[in-house]
Amino acid sequence: MKSTHSGAARGMGAVYAWAGNKNVGEGRMEIIDMSPPSRIKIRLDLVKPIATKNIVEFALTSAANFTEVTWTMHGPMPFISKLVSVFVTMDTLVGNGFETGLESLKALAEK
């Protein structure tokens, strides 16, 4: 997989782009809004395998001895996605990726 960083070095305007095989596809993420330390909003533009434009948000809520992370994604649903969703839920399609990502985030935060 080839990946690049551009735009701001960190925070608003920071961009991460990637291109790889059929398992990772091609896309771009840009931080478009943030309220440290509780929220970050990212524009996610997927190119392959299916072109989509979504907004991803991470909301962090502090509790007694932990931080709860809520990860959401929303955007328009292309026709092919609507058709697939008749037979398979979106949670089934992307849920494992979200779980793996949250587990990786947890492991990094606990170091």
PDB file of N, CA and C in Angstrom:
ATOM      1  N   MET A   1       0.846  -1.175   0.000  1.00  0.00           N
ATOM      2  CA  MET A   1       0.000   0.000   0.000  1.00  0.00           C
ATOM      3  C   MET A   1       0.891   1.237   0.000  1.00  0.00           C
ATOM      4  N   LYS A   2       0.528   2.221  -0.783  1.00  0.00           N
ATOM      5  CA  LYS A   2       1.228   3.496  -0.812  1.00  0.00           C
ATOM      6  C   LYS A   2       0.389   4.501  -0.040  1.00  0.00           C
ATOM      7  N   SER A   3       1.020   5.241   0.880  1.00  0.00           N
ATOM      8  CA  SER A   3       0.291   6.261   1.627  1.00  0.00           C
ATOM      9  C   SER A   3       1.087   7.565   1.628  1.00  0.00           C
ATOM     10  N   THR A   4       0.364   8.672   1.708  1.00  0.00           N
ATOM     11  CA  THR A   4       0.988   9.985   1.739  1.00  0.00           C
ATOM     12  C   THR A   4       0.302  10.864   2.776  1.00  0.00           C
ATOM     13  N   HIS A   5       1.075  11.807   3.299  1.00  0.00           N
ATOM     14  CA  HIS A   5       0.560  12.832   4.208  1.00  0.00           C
ATOM     15  C   HIS A   5       0.781  14.173   3.530  1.00  0.00           C
ATOM     16  N   SER A   6      -0.202  15.059   3.606  1.00  0.00           N
ATOM     17  CA  SER A   6      -0.056  16.384   3.015  1.00  0.00           C
ATOM     18  C   SER A   6      -0.875  17.375   3.823  1.00  0.00           C
ATOM     19  N   GLY A   7      -0.891  18.618   3.356  1.00  0.00           N
ATOM     20  CA  GLY A   7      -1.629  19.647   4.082  1.00  0.00           C
ATOM     21  C   GLY A   7      -0.910  19.997   5.364  1.00  0.00           C
ATOM     22  N   ALA A   8      -1.677  20.344   6.382  1.00  0.00           N
ATOM     23  CA  ALA A   8      -1.097  20.702   7.680  1.00  0.00           C
ATOM     24  C   ALA A   8      -0.373  19.504   8.288  1.00  0.00           C
ATOM     25  N   ALA A   9       0.645  19.784   9.083  1.00  0.00           N
ATOM     26  CA  ALA A   9       1.393  18.706   9.739  1.00  0.00           C
ATOM     27  C   ALA A   9       0.535  17.957  10.750  1.00  0.00           C
ATOM     28  N   ARG A  10      -0.428  18.661  11.343  1.00  0.00           N
ATOM     29  CA  ARG A  10      -1.365  18.054  12.291  1.00  0.00           C
ATOM     30  C   ARG A  10      -2.585  18.945  12.434  1.00  0.00           C
ATOM     31  N   GLY A  11      -3.652  18.384  12.943  1.00  0.00           N
ATOM     32  CA  GLY A  11      -4.865  19.170  13.167  1.00  0.00           C
ATOM     33  C   GLY A  11      -5.610  19.514  11.889  1.00  0.00           C
ATOM     34  N   MET A  12      -6.339  20.631  11.942  1.00  0.00           N
ATOM     35  CA  MET A  12      -7.166  21.056  10.809  1.00  0.00           C
ATOM     36  C   MET A  12      -6.352  21.114   9.530  1.00  0.00           C
ATOM     37  N   GLY A  13      -6.891  20.499   8.470  1.00  0.00           N
ATOM     38  CA  GLY A  13      -6.228  20.515   7.174  1.00  0.00           C
ATOM     39  C   GLY A  13      -5.218  19.406   6.958  1.00  0.00           C
ATOM     40  N   ALA A  14      -4.942  18.584   7.966  1.00  0.00           N
ATOM     41  CA  ALA A  14      -4.039  17.444   7.789  1.00  0.00           C
ATOM     42  C   ALA A  14      -4.725  16.408   6.907  1.00  0.00           C
ATOM     43  N   VAL A  15      -3.970  15.868   5.935  1.00  0.00           N
ATOM     44  CA  VAL A  15      -4.528  14.929   4.961  1.00  0.00           C
ATOM     45  C   VAL A  15      -3.705  13.652   4.949  1.00  0.00           C
ATOM     46  N   TYR A  16      -4.413  12.522   4.933  1.00  0.00           N
ATOM     47  CA  TYR A  16      -3.804  11.197   4.757  1.00  0.00           C
ATOM     48  C   TYR A  16      -4.488  10.564   3.558  1.00  0.00           C
ATOM     49  N   ALA A  17      -3.692  10.102   2.593  1.00  0.00           N
ATOM     50  CA  ALA A  17      -4.252   9.434   1.412  1.00  0.00           C
ATOM     51  C   ALA A  17      -3.565   8.091   1.239  1.00  0.00           C
ATOM     52  N   TRP A  18      -4.266   7.144   0.632  1.00  0.00           N
ATOM     53  CA  TRP A  18      -3.700   5.818   0.423  1.00  0.00           C
ATOM     54  C   TRP A  18      -4.207   5.231  -0.886  1.00  0.00           C
ATOM     55  N   ALA A  19      -3.433   4.286  -1.406  1.00  0.00           N
ATOM     56  CA  ALA A  19      -3.820   3.518  -2.593  1.00  0.00           C
ATOM     57  C   ALA A  19      -3.201   2.147  -2.442  1.00  0.00           C
ATOM     58  N   GLY A  20      -4.007   1.125  -2.609  1.00  0.00           N
ATOM     59  CA  GLY A  20      -3.507  -0.230  -2.428  1.00  0.00           C
ATOM     60  C   GLY A  20      -4.288  -1.236  -3.240  1.00  0.00           C
ATOM     61  N   ASN A  21      -4.208  -2.473  -2.801  1.00  0.00           N
ATOM     62  CA  ASN A  21      -4.879  -3.563  -3.511  1.00  0.00           C
ATOM     63  C   ASN A  21      -6.381  -3.556  -3.221  1.00  0.00           C
ATOM     64  N   LYS A  22      -7.070  -4.606  -3.666  1.00  0.00           N
ATOM     65  CA  LYS A  22      -8.528  -4.668  -3.506  1.00  0.00           C
ATOM     66  C   LYS A  22      -8.962  -4.719  -2.041  1.00  0.00           C
ATOM     67  N   ASN A  23      -8.064  -5.124  -1.141  1.00  0.00           N
ATOM     68  CA  ASN A  23      -8.424  -5.190   0.271  1.00  0.00           C
ATOM     69  C   ASN A  23      -8.444  -3.826   0.949  1.00  0.00           C
ATOM     70  N   VAL A  24      -7.629  -2.885   0.480  1.00  0.00           N
ATOM     71  CA  VAL A  24      -7.574  -1.568   1.118  1.00  0.00           C
ATOM     72  C   VAL A  24      -8.116  -0.456   0.235  1.00  0.00           C
ATOM     73  N   GLY A  25      -8.215  -0.685  -1.060  1.00  0.00           N
ATOM     74  CA  GLY A  25      -8.781   0.307  -1.969  1.00  0.00           C
ATOM     75  C   GLY A  25      -7.941   1.566  -2.071  1.00  0.00           C
ATOM     76  N   GLU A  26      -8.632   2.673  -2.323  1.00  0.00           N
ATOM     77  CA  GLU A  26      -7.970   3.961  -2.475  1.00  0.00           C
ATOM     78  C   GLU A  26      -8.861   5.033  -1.876  1.00  0.00           C
ATOM     79  N   GLY A  27      -8.245   5.989  -1.189  1.00  0.00           N
ATOM     80  CA  GLY A  27      -9.034   7.048  -0.590  1.00  0.00           C
ATOM     81  C   GLY A  27      -8.195   8.145   0.012  1.00  0.00           C
ATOM     82  N   ARG A  28      -8.910   9.044   0.689  1.00  0.00           N
ATOM     83  CA  ARG A  28      -8.284  10.235   1.259  1.00  0.00           C
ATOM     84  C   ARG A  28      -9.093  10.662   2.479  1.00  0.00           C
ATOM     85  N   MET A  29      -8.399  11.080   3.543  1.00  0.00           N
ATOM     86  CA  MET A  29      -9.045  11.594   4.745  1.00  0.00           C
ATOM     87  C   MET A  29      -8.448  12.950   5.067  1.00  0.00           C
ATOM     88  N   GLU A  30      -9.308  13.907   5.450  1.00  0.00           N
ATOM     89  CA  GLU A  30      -8.835  15.229   5.835  1.00  0.00           C
ATOM     90  C   GLU A  30      -9.559  15.678   7.099  1.00  0.00           C
ATOM     91  N   ILE A  31      -8.802  16.177   8.069  1.00  0.00           N
ATOM     92  CA  ILE A  31      -9.408  16.706   9.290  1.00  0.00           C
ATOM     93  C   ILE A  31     -10.052  18.040   8.940  1.00  0.00           C
ATOM     94  N   ILE A  32     -11.375  18.117   9.137  1.00  0.00           N
ATOM     95  CA  ILE A  32     -12.109  19.316   8.741  1.00  0.00           C
ATOM     96  C   ILE A  32     -12.654  20.105   9.926  1.00  0.00           C
ATOM     97  N   ASP A  33     -12.668  19.520  11.108  1.00  0.00           N
ATOM     98  CA  ASP A  33     -13.148  20.229  12.291  1.00  0.00           C
ATOM     99  C   ASP A  33     -12.669  19.473  13.518  1.00  0.00           C
ATOM    100  N   MET A  34     -12.409  20.203  14.573  1.00  0.00           N
ATOM    101  CA  MET A  34     -12.016  19.533  15.802  1.00  0.00           C
ATOM    102  C   MET A  34     -12.233  20.456  16.997  1.00  0.00           C
ATOM    103  N   SER A  35     -12.511  19.828  18.133  1.00  0.00           N
ATOM    104  CA  SER A  35     -12.645  20.519  19.410  1.00  0.00           C
ATOM    105  C   SER A  35     -11.874  19.701  20.437  1.00  0.00           C
ATOM    106  N   PRO A  36     -10.529  19.864  20.457  1.00  0.00           N
ATOM    107  CA  PRO A  36      -9.729  19.066  21.386  1.00  0.00           C
ATOM    108  C   PRO A  36     -10.172  19.308  22.818  1.00  0.00           C
ATOM    109  N   PRO A  37     -10.209  18.352  23.667  1.00  0.00           N
ATOM    110  CA  PRO A  37      -9.873  16.955  23.407  1.00  0.00           C
ATOM    111  C   PRO A  37     -11.090  16.069  23.194  1.00  0.00           C
ATOM    112  N   SER A  38     -12.231  16.653  22.823  1.00  0.00           N
ATOM    113  CA  SER A  38     -13.458  15.852  22.842  1.00  0.00           C
ATOM    114  C   SER A  38     -14.027  15.448  21.483  1.00  0.00           C
ATOM    115  N   ARG A  39     -13.565  16.081  20.373  1.00  0.00           N
ATOM    116  CA  ARG A  39     -14.211  15.741  19.103  1.00  0.00           C
ATOM    117  C   ARG A  39     -13.283  16.045  17.938  1.00  0.00           C
ATOM    118  N   ILE A  40     -13.366  15.166  16.921  1.00  0.00           N
ATOM    119  CA  ILE A  40     -12.656  15.395  15.667  1.00  0.00           C
ATOM    120  C   ILE A  40     -13.558  14.943  14.528  1.00  0.00           C
ATOM    121  N   LYS A  41     -13.589  15.739  13.460  1.00  0.00           N
ATOM    122  CA  LYS A  41     -14.430  15.422  12.306  1.00  0.00           C
ATOM    123  C   LYS A  41     -13.518  15.313  11.082  1.00  0.00           C
ATOM    124  N   ILE A  42     -13.716  14.244  10.313  1.00  0.00           N
ATOM    125  CA  ILE A  42     -12.865  13.935   9.166  1.00  0.00           C
ATOM    126  C   ILE A  42     -13.724  13.727   7.931  1.00  0.00           C
ATOM    127  N   ARG A  43     -13.307  14.343   6.811  1.00  0.00           N
ATOM    128  CA  ARG A  43     -13.958  14.050   5.526  1.00  0.00           C
ATOM    129  C   ARG A  43     -13.240  12.839   4.945  1.00  0.00           C
ATOM    130  N   LEU A  44     -13.993  11.795   4.656  1.00  0.00           N
ATOM    131  CA  LEU A  44     -13.459  10.543   4.114  1.00  0.00           C
ATOM    132  C   LEU A  44     -13.981  10.381   2.693  1.00  0.00           C
ATOM    133  N   ASP A  45     -13.064  10.462   1.744  1.00  0.00           N
ATOM    134  CA  ASP A  45     -13.412  10.277   0.334  1.00  0.00           C
ATOM    135  C   ASP A  45     -12.807   8.966  -0.141  1.00  0.00           C
ATOM    136  N   LEU A  46     -13.654   7.979  -0.398  1.00  0.00           N
ATOM    137  CA  LEU A  46     -13.186   6.703  -0.928  1.00  0.00           C
ATOM    138  C   LEU A  46     -13.281   6.752  -2.447  1.00  0.00           C
ATOM    139  N   VAL A  47     -12.262   6.246  -3.110  1.00  0.00           N
ATOM    140  CA  VAL A  47     -12.217   6.216  -4.569  1.00  0.00           C
ATOM    141  C   VAL A  47     -12.499   4.804  -5.064  1.00  0.00           C
ATOM    142  N   LYS A  48     -11.836   3.825  -4.469  1.00  0.00           N
ATOM    143  CA  LYS A  48     -11.998   2.413  -4.838  1.00  0.00           C
ATOM    144  C   LYS A  48     -12.177   1.589  -3.579  1.00  0.00           C
ATOM    145  N   PRO A  49     -12.943   0.556  -3.558  1.00  0.00           N
ATOM    146  CA  PRO A  49     -13.616  -0.076  -4.679  1.00  0.00           C
ATOM    147  C   PRO A  49     -14.906   0.623  -5.079  1.00  0.00           C
ATOM    148  N   ILE A  50     -15.525   1.382  -4.166  1.00  0.00           N
ATOM    149  CA  ILE A  50     -16.748   2.112  -4.483  1.00  0.00           C
ATOM    150  C   ILE A  50     -16.539   3.563  -4.081  1.00  0.00           C
ATOM    151  N   ALA A  51     -16.756   4.489  -4.990  1.00  0.00           N
ATOM    152  CA  ALA A  51     -16.577   5.906  -4.689  1.00  0.00           C
ATOM    153  C   ALA A  51     -17.678   6.398  -3.757  1.00  0.00           C
ATOM    154  N   THR A  52     -17.265   6.968  -2.624  1.00  0.00           N
ATOM    155  CA  THR A  52     -18.206   7.545  -1.666  1.00  0.00           C
ATOM    156  C   THR A  52     -17.565   8.750  -1.000  1.00  0.00           C
ATOM    157  N   LYS A  53     -18.385   9.598  -0.452  1.00  0.00           N
ATOM    158  CA  LYS A  53     -17.933  10.748   0.329  1.00  0.00           C
ATOM    159  C   LYS A  53     -18.692  10.706   1.646  1.00  0.00           C
ATOM    160  N   ASN A  54     -17.957  10.604   2.739  1.00  0.00           N
ATOM    161  CA  ASN A  54     -18.571  10.477   4.048  1.00  0.00           C
ATOM    162  C   ASN A  54     -17.923  11.423   5.047  1.00  0.00           C
ATOM    163  N   ILE A  55     -18.604  11.629   6.150  1.00  0.00           N
ATOM    164  CA  ILE A  55     -18.056  12.354   7.284  1.00  0.00           C
ATOM    165  C   ILE A  55     -17.900  11.349   8.421  1.00  0.00           C
ATOM    166  N   VAL A  56     -16.704  11.315   8.993  1.00  0.00           N
ATOM    167  CA  VAL A  56     -16.400  10.428  10.111  1.00  0.00           C
ATOM    168  C   VAL A  56     -16.181  11.308  11.335  1.00  0.00           C
ATOM    169  N   GLU A  57     -16.768  10.920  12.453  1.00  0.00           N
ATOM    170  CA  GLU A  57     -16.593  11.689  13.680  1.00  0.00           C
ATOM    171  C   GLU A  57     -16.182  10.778  14.821  1.00  0.00           C
ATOM    172  N   PHE A  58     -15.228  11.272  15.598  1.00  0.00           N
ATOM    173  CA  PHE A  58     -14.824  10.624  16.836  1.00  0.00           C
ATOM    174  C   PHE A  58     -15.226  11.568  17.960  1.00  0.00           C
ATOM    175  N   ALA A  59     -16.042  11.081  18.885  1.00  0.00           N
ATOM    176  CA  ALA A  59     -16.437  11.863  20.057  1.00  0.00           C
ATOM    177  C   ALA A  59     -15.884  11.154  21.284  1.00  0.00           C
ATOM    178  N   LEU A  60     -15.182  11.891  22.129  1.00  0.00           N
ATOM    179  CA  LEU A  60     -14.567  11.324  23.325  1.00  0.00           C
ATOM    180  C   LEU A  60     -15.229  11.922  24.557  1.00  0.00           C
ATOM    181  N   THR A  61     -15.669  11.048  25.454  1.00  0.00           N
ATOM    182  CA  THR A  61     -16.319  11.462  26.679  1.00  0.00           C
ATOM    183  C   THR A  61     -15.549  10.876  27.854  1.00  0.00           C
ATOM    184  N   SER A  62     -15.111  11.730  28.759  1.00  0.00           N
ATOM    185  CA  SER A  62     -14.364  11.262  29.926  1.00  0.00           C
ATOM    186  C   SER A  62     -15.312  10.719  30.977  1.00  0.00           C
ATOM    187  N   ALA A  63     -14.879   9.636  31.612  1.00  0.00           N
ATOM    188  CA  ALA A  63     -15.602   9.058  32.737  1.00  0.00           C
ATOM    189  C   ALA A  63     -14.586   8.891  33.866  1.00  0.00           C
ATOM    190  N   ALA A  64     -14.952   8.178  34.909  1.00  0.00           N
ATOM    191  CA  ALA A  64     -14.102   8.047  36.088  1.00  0.00           C
ATOM    192  C   ALA A  64     -12.684   7.601  35.743  1.00  0.00           C
ATOM    193  N   ASN A  65     -12.529   6.412  35.199  1.00  0.00           N
ATOM    194  CA  ASN A  65     -11.203   5.873  34.917  1.00  0.00           C
ATOM    195  C   ASN A  65     -11.014   5.476  33.466  1.00  0.00           C
ATOM    196  N   PHE A  66     -11.828   6.028  32.588  1.00  0.00           N
ATOM    197  CA  PHE A  66     -11.708   5.650  31.177  1.00  0.00           C
ATOM    198  C   PHE A  66     -12.259   6.765  30.293  1.00  0.00           C
ATOM    199  N   THR A  67     -12.029   6.625  29.019  1.00  0.00           N
ATOM    200  CA  THR A  67     -12.583   7.540  28.022  1.00  0.00           C
ATOM    201  C   THR A  67     -13.424   6.722  27.066  1.00  0.00           C
ATOM    202  N   GLU A  68     -14.669   7.114  26.893  1.00  0.00           N
ATOM    203  CA  GLU A  68     -15.552   6.437  25.948  1.00  0.00           C
ATOM    204  C   GLU A  68     -15.379   7.094  24.584  1.00  0.00           C
ATOM    205  N   VAL A  69     -15.155   6.272  23.551  1.00  0.00           N
ATOM    206  CA  VAL A  69     -14.996   6.760  22.191  1.00  0.00           C
ATOM    207  C   VAL A  69     -16.191   6.313  21.369  1.00  0.00           C
ATOM    208  N   THR A  70     -16.855   7.265  20.739  1.00  0.00           N
ATOM    209  CA  THR A  70     -17.948   6.959  19.820  1.00  0.00           C
ATOM    210  C   THR A  70     -17.474   7.319  18.425  1.00  0.00           C
ATOM    211  N   TRP A  71     -17.511   6.340  17.521  1.00  0.00           N
ATOM    212  CA  TRP A  71     -17.018   6.509  16.157  1.00  0.00           C
ATOM    213  C   TRP A  71     -18.208   6.374  15.226  1.00  0.00           C
ATOM    214  N   THR A  72     -18.533   7.426  14.506  1.00  0.00           N
ATOM    215  CA  THR A  72     -19.668   7.383  13.589  1.00  0.00           C
ATOM    216  C   THR A  72     -19.231   7.773  12.183  1.00  0.00           C
ATOM    217  N   MET A  73     -20.000   7.327  11.219  1.00  0.00           N
ATOM    218  CA  MET A  73     -19.753   7.672   9.829  1.00  0.00           C
ATOM    219  C   MET A  73     -21.108   7.888   9.162  1.00  0.00           C
ATOM    220  N   HIS A  74     -21.227   8.991   8.420  1.00  0.00           N
ATOM    221  CA  HIS A  74     -22.482   9.238   7.711  1.00  0.00           C
ATOM    222  C   HIS A  74     -22.199   9.925   6.384  1.00  0.00           C
ATOM    223  N   GLY A  75     -23.113   9.733   5.465  1.00  0.00           N
ATOM    224  CA  GLY A  75     -22.981  10.324   4.130  1.00  0.00           C
ATOM    225  C   GLY A  75     -23.997   9.699   3.199  1.00  0.00           C
ATOM    226  N   PRO A  76     -24.000  10.151   1.953  1.00  0.00           N
ATOM    227  CA  PRO A  76     -24.951   9.598   0.985  1.00  0.00           C
ATOM    228  C   PRO A  76     -24.638   8.132   0.686  1.00  0.00           C
ATOM    229  N   MET A  77     -25.651   7.398   0.311  1.00  0.00           N
ATOM    230  CA  MET A  77     -25.483   5.984   0.006  1.00  0.00           C
ATOM    231  C   MET A  77     -25.681   5.761  -1.488  1.00  0.00           C
ATOM    232  N   PRO A  78     -24.595   5.399  -2.207  1.00  0.00           N
ATOM    233  CA  PRO A  78     -24.732   5.136  -3.644  1.00  0.00           C
ATOM    234  C   PRO A  78     -25.686   3.973  -3.911  1.00  0.00           C
ATOM    235  N   PHE A  79     -26.225   3.923  -5.112  1.00  0.00           N
ATOM    236  CA  PHE A  79     -27.190   2.895  -5.471  1.00  0.00           C
ATOM    237  C   PHE A  79     -26.675   1.494  -5.161  1.00  0.00           C
ATOM    238  N   ILE A  80     -25.409   1.208  -5.521  1.00  0.00           N
ATOM    239  CA  ILE A  80     -24.872  -0.147  -5.293  1.00  0.00           C
ATOM    240  C   ILE A  80     -24.884  -0.488  -3.804  1.00  0.00           C
ATOM    241  N   SER A  81     -24.606   0.497  -2.954  1.00  0.00           N
ATOM    242  CA  SER A  81     -24.639   0.261  -1.506  1.00  0.00           C
ATOM    243  C   SER A  81     -26.054  -0.009  -1.035  1.00  0.00           C
ATOM    244  N   LYS A  82     -27.026   0.722  -1.587  1.00  0.00           N
ATOM    245  CA  LYS A  82     -28.429   0.485  -1.232  1.00  0.00           C
ATOM    246  C   LYS A  82     -28.843  -0.928  -1.622  1.00  0.00           C
ATOM    247  N   LEU A  83     -28.413  -1.353  -2.800  1.00  0.00           N
ATOM    248  CA  LEU A  83     -28.747  -2.694  -3.272  1.00  0.00           C
ATOM    249  C   LEU A  83     -28.129  -3.759  -2.368  1.00  0.00           C
ATOM    250  N   VAL A  84     -26.850  -3.585  -2.038  1.00  0.00           N
ATOM    251  CA  VAL A  84     -26.169  -4.554  -1.167  1.00  0.00           C
ATOM    252  C   VAL A  84     -26.829  -4.583   0.205  1.00  0.00           C
ATOM    253  N   SER A  85     -27.268  -3.405   0.710  1.00  0.00           N
ATOM    254  CA  SER A  85     -27.848  -3.347   2.051  1.00  0.00           C
ATOM    255  C   SER A  85     -29.172  -4.093   2.167  1.00  0.00           C
ATOM    256  N   VAL A  86     -29.788  -4.416   1.046  1.00  0.00           N
ATOM    257  CA  VAL A  86     -30.995  -5.241   1.079  1.00  0.00           C
ATOM    258  C   VAL A  86     -30.657  -6.645   1.575  1.00  0.00           C
ATOM    259  N   PHE A  87     -29.449  -7.107   1.261  1.00  0.00           N
ATOM    260  CA  PHE A  87     -29.044  -8.475   1.588  1.00  0.00           C
ATOM    261  C   PHE A  87     -28.086  -8.557   2.775  1.00  0.00           C
ATOM    262  N   VAL A  88     -27.305  -7.498   3.001  1.00  0.00           N
ATOM    263  CA  VAL A  88     -26.307  -7.493   4.070  1.00  0.00           C
ATOM    264  C   VAL A  88     -26.363  -6.141   4.767  1.00  0.00           C
ATOM    265  N   THR A  89     -26.352  -6.134   6.107  1.00  0.00           N
ATOM    266  CA  THR A  89     -26.378  -4.858   6.819  1.00  0.00           C
ATOM    267  C   THR A  89     -25.023  -4.176   6.704  1.00  0.00           C
ATOM    268  N   MET A  90     -25.016  -2.854   6.760  1.00  0.00           N
ATOM    269  CA  MET A  90     -23.768  -2.097   6.709  1.00  0.00           C
ATOM    270  C   MET A  90     -22.895  -2.437   7.913  1.00  0.00           C
ATOM    271  N   ASP A  91     -23.532  -2.752   9.054  1.00  0.00           N
ATOM    272  CA  ASP A  91     -22.754  -3.139  10.234  1.00  0.00           C
ATOM    273  C   ASP A  91     -21.948  -4.401   9.947  1.00  0.00           C
ATOM    274  N   THR A  92     -22.527  -5.329   9.198  1.00  0.00           N
ATOM    275  CA  THR A  92     -21.805  -6.542   8.827  1.00  0.00           C
ATOM    276  C   THR A  92     -20.635  -6.204   7.904  1.00  0.00           C
ATOM    277  N   LEU A  93     -20.855  -5.261   6.974  1.00  0.00           N
ATOM    278  CA  LEU A  93     -19.810  -4.914   6.013  1.00  0.00           C
ATOM    279  C   LEU A  93     -18.664  -4.131   6.642  1.00  0.00           C
ATOM    280  N   VAL A  94     -18.957  -3.155   7.492  1.00  0.00           N
ATOM    281  CA  VAL A  94     -17.900  -2.298   8.028  1.00  0.00           C
ATOM    282  C   VAL A  94     -17.703  -2.436   9.531  1.00  0.00           C
ATOM    283  N   GLY A  95     -18.582  -3.136  10.190  1.00  0.00           N
ATOM    284  CA  GLY A  95     -18.514  -3.275  11.646  1.00  0.00           C
ATOM    285  C   GLY A  95     -17.203  -3.847  12.144  1.00  0.00           C
ATOM    286  N   ASN A  96     -16.703  -4.898  11.486  1.00  0.00           N
ATOM    287  CA  ASN A  96     -15.437  -5.494  11.923  1.00  0.00           C
ATOM    288  C   ASN A  96     -14.283  -4.509  11.779  1.00  0.00           C
ATOM    289  N   GLY A  97     -14.315  -3.702  10.723  1.00  0.00           N
ATOM    290  CA  GLY A  97     -13.276  -2.687  10.549  1.00  0.00           C
ATOM    291  C   GLY A  97     -13.316  -1.650  11.654  1.00  0.00           C
ATOM    292  N   PHE A  98     -14.530  -1.230  12.040  1.00  0.00           N
ATOM    293  CA  PHE A  98     -14.672  -0.277  13.136  1.00  0.00           C
ATOM    294  C   PHE A  98     -14.161  -0.900  14.432  1.00  0.00           C
ATOM    295  N   GLU A  99     -14.536  -2.148  14.707  1.00  0.00           N
ATOM    296  CA  GLU A  99     -14.093  -2.819  15.933  1.00  0.00           C
ATOM    297  C   GLU A  99     -12.577  -2.944  15.978  1.00  0.00           C
ATOM    298  N   THR A 100     -11.978  -3.361  14.868  1.00  0.00           N
ATOM    299  CA  THR A 100     -10.519  -3.488  14.803  1.00  0.00           C
ATOM    300  C   THR A 100      -9.861  -2.135  15.023  1.00  0.00           C
ATOM    301  N   GLY A 101     -10.396  -1.091  14.405  1.00  0.00           N
ATOM    302  CA  GLY A 101      -9.853   0.252  14.578  1.00  0.00           C
ATOM    303  C   GLY A 101      -9.944   0.727  16.014  1.00  0.00           C
ATOM    304  N   LEU A 102     -11.081   0.497  16.665  1.00  0.00           N
ATOM    305  CA  LEU A 102     -11.232   0.904  18.060  1.00  0.00           C
ATOM    306  C   LEU A 102     -10.305   0.107  18.975  1.00  0.00           C
ATOM    307  N   GLU A 103     -10.114  -1.175  18.707  1.00  0.00           N
ATOM    308  CA  GLU A 103      -9.189  -1.974  19.502  1.00  0.00           C
ATOM    309  C   GLU A 103      -7.763  -1.468  19.345  1.00  0.00           C
ATOM    310  N   SER A 104      -7.380  -1.086  18.124  1.00  0.00           N
ATOM    311  CA  SER A 104      -6.042  -0.544  17.883  1.00  0.00           C
ATOM    312  C   SER A 104      -5.870   0.790  18.605  1.00  0.00           C
ATOM    313  N   LEU A 105      -6.903   1.644  18.569  1.00  0.00           N
ATOM    314  CA  LEU A 105      -6.870   2.921  19.258  1.00  0.00           C
ATOM    315  C   LEU A 105      -6.728   2.719  20.751  1.00  0.00           C
ATOM    316  N   LYS A 106      -7.456   1.748  21.302  1.00  0.00           N
ATOM    317  CA  LYS A 106      -7.381   1.445  22.724  1.00  0.00           C
ATOM    318  C   LYS A 106      -5.970   0.993  23.106  1.00  0.00           C
ATOM    319  N   ALA A 107      -5.392   0.113  22.312  1.00  0.00           N
ATOM    320  CA  ALA A 107      -4.045  -0.375  22.603  1.00  0.00           C
ATOM    321  C   ALA A 107      -3.020   0.763  22.581  1.00  0.00           C
ATOM    322  N   LEU A 108      -3.132   1.659  21.623  1.00  0.00           N
ATOM    323  CA  LEU A 108      -2.211   2.795  21.556  1.00  0.00           C
ATOM    324  C   LEU A 108      -2.400   3.743  22.753  1.00  0.00           C
ATOM    325  N   ALA A 109      -3.650   3.988  23.120  1.00  0.00           N
ATOM    326  CA  ALA A 109      -3.936   4.903  24.235  1.00  0.00           C
ATOM    327  C   ALA A 109      -3.457   4.358  25.566  1.00  0.00           C
ATOM    328  N   GLU A 110      -3.423   3.029  25.698  1.00  0.00           N
ATOM    329  CA  GLU A 110      -3.042   2.426  26.977  1.00  0.00           C
ATOM    330  C   GLU A 110      -1.545   2.217  27.128  1.00  0.00           C
ATOM    331  N   LYS A 111      -0.767   2.566  26.100  1.00  0.00           N
ATOM    332  CA  LYS A 111       0.706   2.415  26.197  1.00  0.00           C
ATOM    333  C   LYS A 111       1.293   3.437  27.126  1.00  0.00           C
TER     334      LYS A 111
END
